[in-house]
């Protein structure tokens, strides 16, 4: 049996009762934190709560060695991930491979940034288009795809949730400032008018925590702000209903001038 269990957004207390029961009943409990991680707590508290040892896996142990699947052929295995367990492509692959091998599976869902971010910003979830991720620039690696996704969504009037690179093995978590500067750099290179210093953007930090930061303003104002510790994400709004604009003013301290924009 293979359980894919989500830990939620912020700390070990976000796990569901079903998830906790699965952990207690498992022969082996694994977790990975290279796609996301919890910043409001640690696994020691969860281990104490469940009375089990949680084994942290490296990317290659999950994606190349298929360790959770191999163990689940003969044992009850729980595979823990931050957020919802099926939001990362690699986790969907695990589910499919387990099914192909005839391993019984169960998915225990949890809160995800994909549902949390729109709501706490006052935006309507069904008006979001394709999600994109900004990678950390490297030498000879500076893809324009996040910018292009925003442009495609804007053509349809849709909002864009922009996730930011995580490299846990390097203790690197991209800030919203870096992400916005990345997009402006692409704009400078492509000059397609998708985003500018005067564009409206929303920054969300530490979603799921008791006091998440939600801040909306023009890009040139946001890039100079300090949003505190990780994790950060960005929303680039598309066409907004009046109530969405009002939501950004009330919930994200956006300038009231956006209420007068078409």
Protein backbone atom coordinates (compact mmCIF):
# COMPACT_ATOMS: atom_id res chain seq x y z
CA UNK A 1 0.00 0.00 0.00
CA UNK A 2 1.27 3.47 -0.89
CA UNK A 3 -0.21 6.56 0.73
CA UNK A 4 0.53 9.96 -0.80
CA UNK A 5 -0.09 12.41 2.03
CA UNK A 6 -0.05 16.20 1.93
CA UNK A 7 1.33 18.16 4.87
CA UNK A 8 -0.31 21.47 3.99
CA UNK A 9 1.33 24.85 3.69
CA UNK A 10 3.06 25.93 6.85
CA UNK A 11 3.71 23.55 9.72
CA UNK A 12 3.23 19.97 10.89
CA UNK A 13 -0.17 20.79 12.40
CA UNK A 14 -1.65 21.32 8.93
CA UNK A 15 -1.79 17.59 8.25
CA UNK A 16 -5.31 16.09 8.24
CA UNK A 17 -6.52 13.50 10.73
CA UNK A 18 -6.65 10.98 7.89
CA UNK A 19 -3.04 11.78 7.08
CA UNK A 20 -1.99 11.36 10.70
CA UNK A 21 -3.77 8.00 10.91
CA UNK A 22 -1.99 6.84 7.77
CA UNK A 23 1.39 7.75 9.27
CA UNK A 24 0.63 5.87 12.47
CA UNK A 25 -0.36 2.74 10.56
CA UNK A 26 2.58 2.74 8.11
CA UNK A 27 5.57 0.42 8.11
CA UNK A 28 7.79 3.13 6.58
CA UNK A 29 7.27 6.89 6.37
CA UNK A 30 9.15 8.94 3.78
CA UNK A 31 9.13 12.68 3.08
CA UNK A 32 10.65 14.93 0.44
CA UNK A 33 11.27 18.67 0.65
CA UNK A 34 13.00 19.50 -2.63
CA UNK A 35 9.74 20.63 -4.31
CA UNK A 36 8.52 22.59 -1.26
CA UNK A 37 8.98 22.62 2.48
CA UNK A 38 7.35 23.70 5.71
CA UNK A 39 8.79 26.79 7.38
CA UNK A 40 6.53 26.99 10.43
CA UNK A 41 7.71 23.82 12.12
CA UNK A 42 9.80 20.70 11.75
CA UNK A 43 9.21 16.99 11.40
CA UNK A 44 10.42 16.27 14.94
CA UNK A 45 7.07 17.47 16.28
CA UNK A 46 5.20 15.34 13.75
CA UNK A 47 7.36 12.32 14.62
CA UNK A 48 6.55 12.81 18.30
CA UNK A 49 2.85 13.21 17.55
CA UNK A 50 2.65 10.09 15.40
CA UNK A 51 5.23 8.02 17.25
CA UNK A 52 7.19 7.19 14.08
CA UNK A 53 10.49 7.97 12.40
CA UNK A 54 10.25 10.01 9.17
CA UNK A 55 12.94 9.40 6.58
CA UNK A 56 13.85 12.37 4.34
CA UNK A 57 14.53 11.37 0.74
CA UNK A 58 16.78 13.07 -1.76
CA UNK A 59 15.50 13.83 -5.25
CA UNK A 60 17.40 10.94 -6.83
CA UNK A 61 16.00 8.48 -4.29
CA UNK A 62 12.49 9.44 -5.38
CA UNK A 63 12.85 10.11 -9.09
CA UNK A 64 15.63 7.70 -10.07
CA UNK A 65 15.65 4.92 -7.48
CA UNK A 66 11.83 4.83 -7.02
CA UNK A 67 12.38 4.01 -3.35
CA UNK A 68 8.79 4.65 -2.14
CA UNK A 69 7.35 2.45 -4.90
CA UNK A 70 9.84 -0.38 -4.34
CA UNK A 71 9.11 -0.45 -0.62
CA UNK A 72 5.36 -0.27 -1.20
CA UNK A 73 5.44 -3.58 -3.09
CA UNK A 74 5.75 -5.40 0.24
CA UNK A 75 5.07 -2.78 2.93
CA UNK A 76 2.62 -0.03 3.87
CA UNK A 77 4.44 3.15 2.87
CA UNK A 78 3.53 6.80 3.46
CA UNK A 79 5.11 9.41 1.22
CA UNK A 80 4.80 12.92 2.70
CA UNK A 81 5.04 16.16 0.75
CA UNK A 82 4.46 19.79 1.61
CA UNK A 83 1.24 21.24 0.24
CA UNK A 84 -1.04 18.88 -1.67
CA UNK A 85 0.62 15.58 -2.65
CA UNK A 86 -0.26 15.75 -6.35
CA UNK A 87 0.69 19.32 -7.20
CA UNK A 88 4.22 18.37 -8.32
CA UNK A 89 4.57 16.38 -11.55
CA UNK A 90 7.01 13.96 -9.94
CA UNK A 91 4.35 12.97 -7.40
CA UNK A 92 1.78 12.28 -10.12
CA UNK A 93 4.39 10.04 -11.75
CA UNK A 94 4.74 8.11 -8.49
CA UNK A 95 0.98 7.55 -8.36
CA UNK A 96 0.87 6.30 -11.96
CA UNK A 97 3.89 4.02 -11.56
CA UNK A 98 2.41 2.48 -8.42
CA UNK A 99 -0.89 1.82 -10.20
CA UNK A 100 0.96 0.23 -13.15
CA UNK A 101 2.70 -2.14 -10.75
CA UNK A 102 -0.60 -3.10 -9.12
CA UNK A 103 0.22 -1.39 -5.83
CA UNK A 104 -2.83 -0.21 -3.94
CA UNK A 105 -2.75 3.58 -3.45
CA UNK A 106 -4.54 6.25 -1.50
CA UNK A 107 -4.17 10.01 -1.84
CA UNK A 108 -4.82 12.16 1.23
CA UNK A 109 -5.10 15.76 0.10
CA UNK A 110 -4.09 18.93 1.92
CA UNK A 111 -4.10 22.67 1.37
CA UNK A 112 -2.12 23.94 -1.61
CA UNK A 113 -0.74 27.31 -2.68
CA UNK A 114 -2.84 26.93 -5.84
CA UNK A 115 -6.02 27.31 -3.80
CA UNK A 116 -4.70 29.43 -0.93
CA UNK A 117 -3.05 32.25 -2.87
CA UNK A 118 -6.09 33.41 -4.89
CA UNK A 119 -8.35 33.39 -1.85
CA UNK A 120 -6.19 35.34 0.57
CA UNK A 121 -5.56 37.95 -2.13
CA UNK A 122 -9.29 38.42 -2.78
CA UNK A 123 -9.12 37.10 -6.34
CA UNK A 124 -11.47 34.53 -7.87
CA UNK A 125 -9.81 31.14 -8.34
CA UNK A 126 -11.68 30.26 -11.53
CA UNK A 127 -10.21 33.35 -13.25
CA UNK A 128 -6.65 32.01 -13.10
CA UNK A 129 -4.90 30.66 -16.15
CA UNK A 130 -1.83 28.46 -16.46
CA UNK A 131 0.54 28.44 -13.48
CA UNK A 132 4.22 29.14 -14.10
CA UNK A 133 7.47 28.95 -12.14
CA UNK A 134 10.43 31.33 -12.34
CA UNK A 135 13.73 29.41 -12.15
CA UNK A 136 16.93 30.67 -10.61
CA UNK A 137 19.01 32.19 -13.41
CA UNK A 138 22.21 30.33 -14.17
CA UNK A 139 25.00 30.92 -16.63
CA UNK A 140 23.52 30.42 -20.11
CA UNK A 141 20.14 29.67 -18.55
CA UNK A 142 17.54 32.41 -18.50
CA UNK A 143 14.28 31.05 -19.97
CA UNK A 144 11.55 33.46 -21.03
CA UNK A 145 8.73 30.94 -20.56
CA UNK A 146 7.32 32.46 -17.32
CA UNK A 147 6.94 35.81 -19.08
CA UNK A 148 5.31 34.11 -22.06
CA UNK A 149 2.81 32.27 -19.84
CA UNK A 150 1.81 35.57 -18.24
CA UNK A 151 1.33 37.03 -21.71
CA UNK A 152 -0.85 34.12 -22.84
CA UNK A 153 -3.00 34.38 -19.72
CA UNK A 154 -3.35 38.15 -20.07
CA UNK A 155 -4.63 37.75 -23.64
CA UNK A 156 -7.53 35.79 -22.15
CA UNK A 157 -8.00 38.23 -19.28
CA UNK A 158 -6.78 35.64 -16.76
CA UNK A 159 -4.65 36.00 -13.63
CA UNK A 160 -1.31 34.21 -13.35
CA UNK A 161 0.04 32.50 -10.24
CA UNK A 162 3.82 32.67 -10.42
CA UNK A 163 5.70 30.21 -8.23
CA UNK A 164 9.35 30.83 -7.37
CA UNK A 165 12.32 28.51 -7.54
CA UNK A 166 13.21 26.30 -4.58
CA UNK A 167 16.60 24.61 -4.30
CA UNK A 168 16.44 23.17 -0.82
CA UNK A 169 19.77 21.36 -1.17
CA UNK A 170 21.38 24.80 -1.61
CA UNK A 171 19.15 26.46 1.00
CA UNK A 172 17.93 28.76 -1.75
CA UNK A 173 14.37 30.09 -1.88
CA UNK A 174 13.73 32.75 -4.50
CA UNK A 175 12.23 35.96 -3.16
CA UNK A 176 9.37 37.85 -4.76
CA UNK A 177 11.82 40.70 -5.39
CA UNK A 178 14.02 38.41 -7.45
CA UNK A 179 11.01 37.08 -9.31
CA UNK A 180 9.74 40.52 -10.27
CA UNK A 181 13.20 41.63 -11.33
CA UNK A 182 13.44 38.50 -13.48
CA UNK A 183 10.22 39.39 -15.29
CA UNK A 184 11.31 42.99 -15.86
CA UNK A 185 14.60 41.73 -17.28
CA UNK A 186 12.71 39.53 -19.74
CA UNK A 187 10.52 42.50 -20.67
CA UNK A 188 13.63 44.56 -21.33
CA UNK A 189 14.87 41.85 -23.68
CA UNK A 190 11.59 41.06 -25.47
CA UNK A 191 9.82 44.45 -25.29
CA UNK A 192 6.34 42.94 -25.75
CA UNK A 193 4.60 45.09 -23.16
CA UNK A 194 3.53 42.15 -20.99
CA UNK A 195 4.81 43.61 -17.71
CA UNK A 196 6.36 46.92 -16.74
CA UNK A 197 7.49 48.83 -13.68
CA UNK A 198 3.96 50.26 -13.53
CA UNK A 199 2.18 46.89 -13.73
CA UNK A 200 0.07 45.70 -10.82
CA UNK A 201 1.40 42.65 -9.00
CA UNK A 202 0.59 40.78 -5.81
CA UNK A 203 3.16 39.28 -3.46
CA UNK A 204 2.20 36.56 -1.01
CA UNK A 205 4.60 35.35 1.66
CA UNK A 206 4.23 32.50 4.15
CA UNK A 207 0.77 31.42 3.02
CA UNK A 208 -0.83 29.15 5.59
CA UNK A 209 0.93 30.80 8.52
CA UNK A 210 -1.05 32.60 11.25
CA UNK A 211 -0.12 35.95 9.69
CA UNK A 212 0.62 35.61 5.98
CA UNK A 213 1.81 38.69 4.11
CA UNK A 214 -0.34 39.78 1.17
CA UNK A 215 0.80 42.93 -0.63
CA UNK A 216 -0.41 44.42 -3.93
CA UNK A 217 1.12 47.42 -5.66
CA UNK A 218 3.00 48.51 -8.77
CA UNK A 219 6.06 46.45 -9.59
CA UNK A 220 8.43 49.38 -9.03
CA UNK A 221 7.10 49.77 -5.47
CA UNK A 222 7.19 46.06 -4.65
CA UNK A 223 10.73 45.37 -5.78
CA UNK A 224 12.11 47.58 -3.02
CA UNK A 225 10.08 46.08 -0.19
CA UNK A 226 11.17 43.47 2.33
CA UNK A 227 8.66 40.61 2.43
CA UNK A 228 10.39 38.62 5.13
CA UNK A 229 11.22 34.94 5.10
CA UNK A 230 10.13 32.30 2.60
CA UNK A 231 8.12 30.97 0.93
CA UNK A 232 7.08 33.71 -1.52
CA UNK A 233 4.91 33.66 -4.63
CA UNK A 234 3.58 36.29 -7.04
CA UNK A 235 0.27 36.90 -8.76
CA UNK A 236 0.06 38.97 -11.94
CA UNK A 237 -3.60 39.99 -12.25
CA UNK A 238 -5.45 39.88 -15.55
CA UNK A 239 -8.81 41.56 -16.05
CA UNK A 240 -10.38 42.15 -12.67
CA UNK A 241 -13.98 42.34 -11.57
CA UNK A 242 -14.69 45.34 -9.34
CA UNK A 243 -15.01 43.05 -6.32
CA UNK A 244 -11.58 41.59 -7.03
CA UNK A 245 -10.04 45.06 -7.19
CA UNK A 246 -11.78 45.93 -3.95
CA UNK A 247 -10.43 42.70 -2.45
CA UNK A 248 -6.87 43.71 -3.32
CA UNK A 249 -7.38 47.10 -1.71
CA UNK A 250 -8.86 45.68 1.49
CA UNK A 251 -6.83 42.49 1.83
CA UNK A 252 -3.55 43.42 0.14
CA UNK A 253 -3.26 47.16 0.74
CA UNK A 254 -3.34 47.91 -2.99
CA UNK A 255 -3.58 51.57 -4.04
CA UNK A 256 -7.20 52.66 -4.23
CA UNK A 257 -6.55 54.03 -7.71
CA UNK A 258 -6.99 50.48 -9.08
CA UNK A 259 -10.72 50.80 -8.31
CA UNK A 260 -10.99 53.41 -11.06
CA UNK A 261 -9.17 51.38 -13.71
CA UNK A 262 -11.01 49.50 -16.41
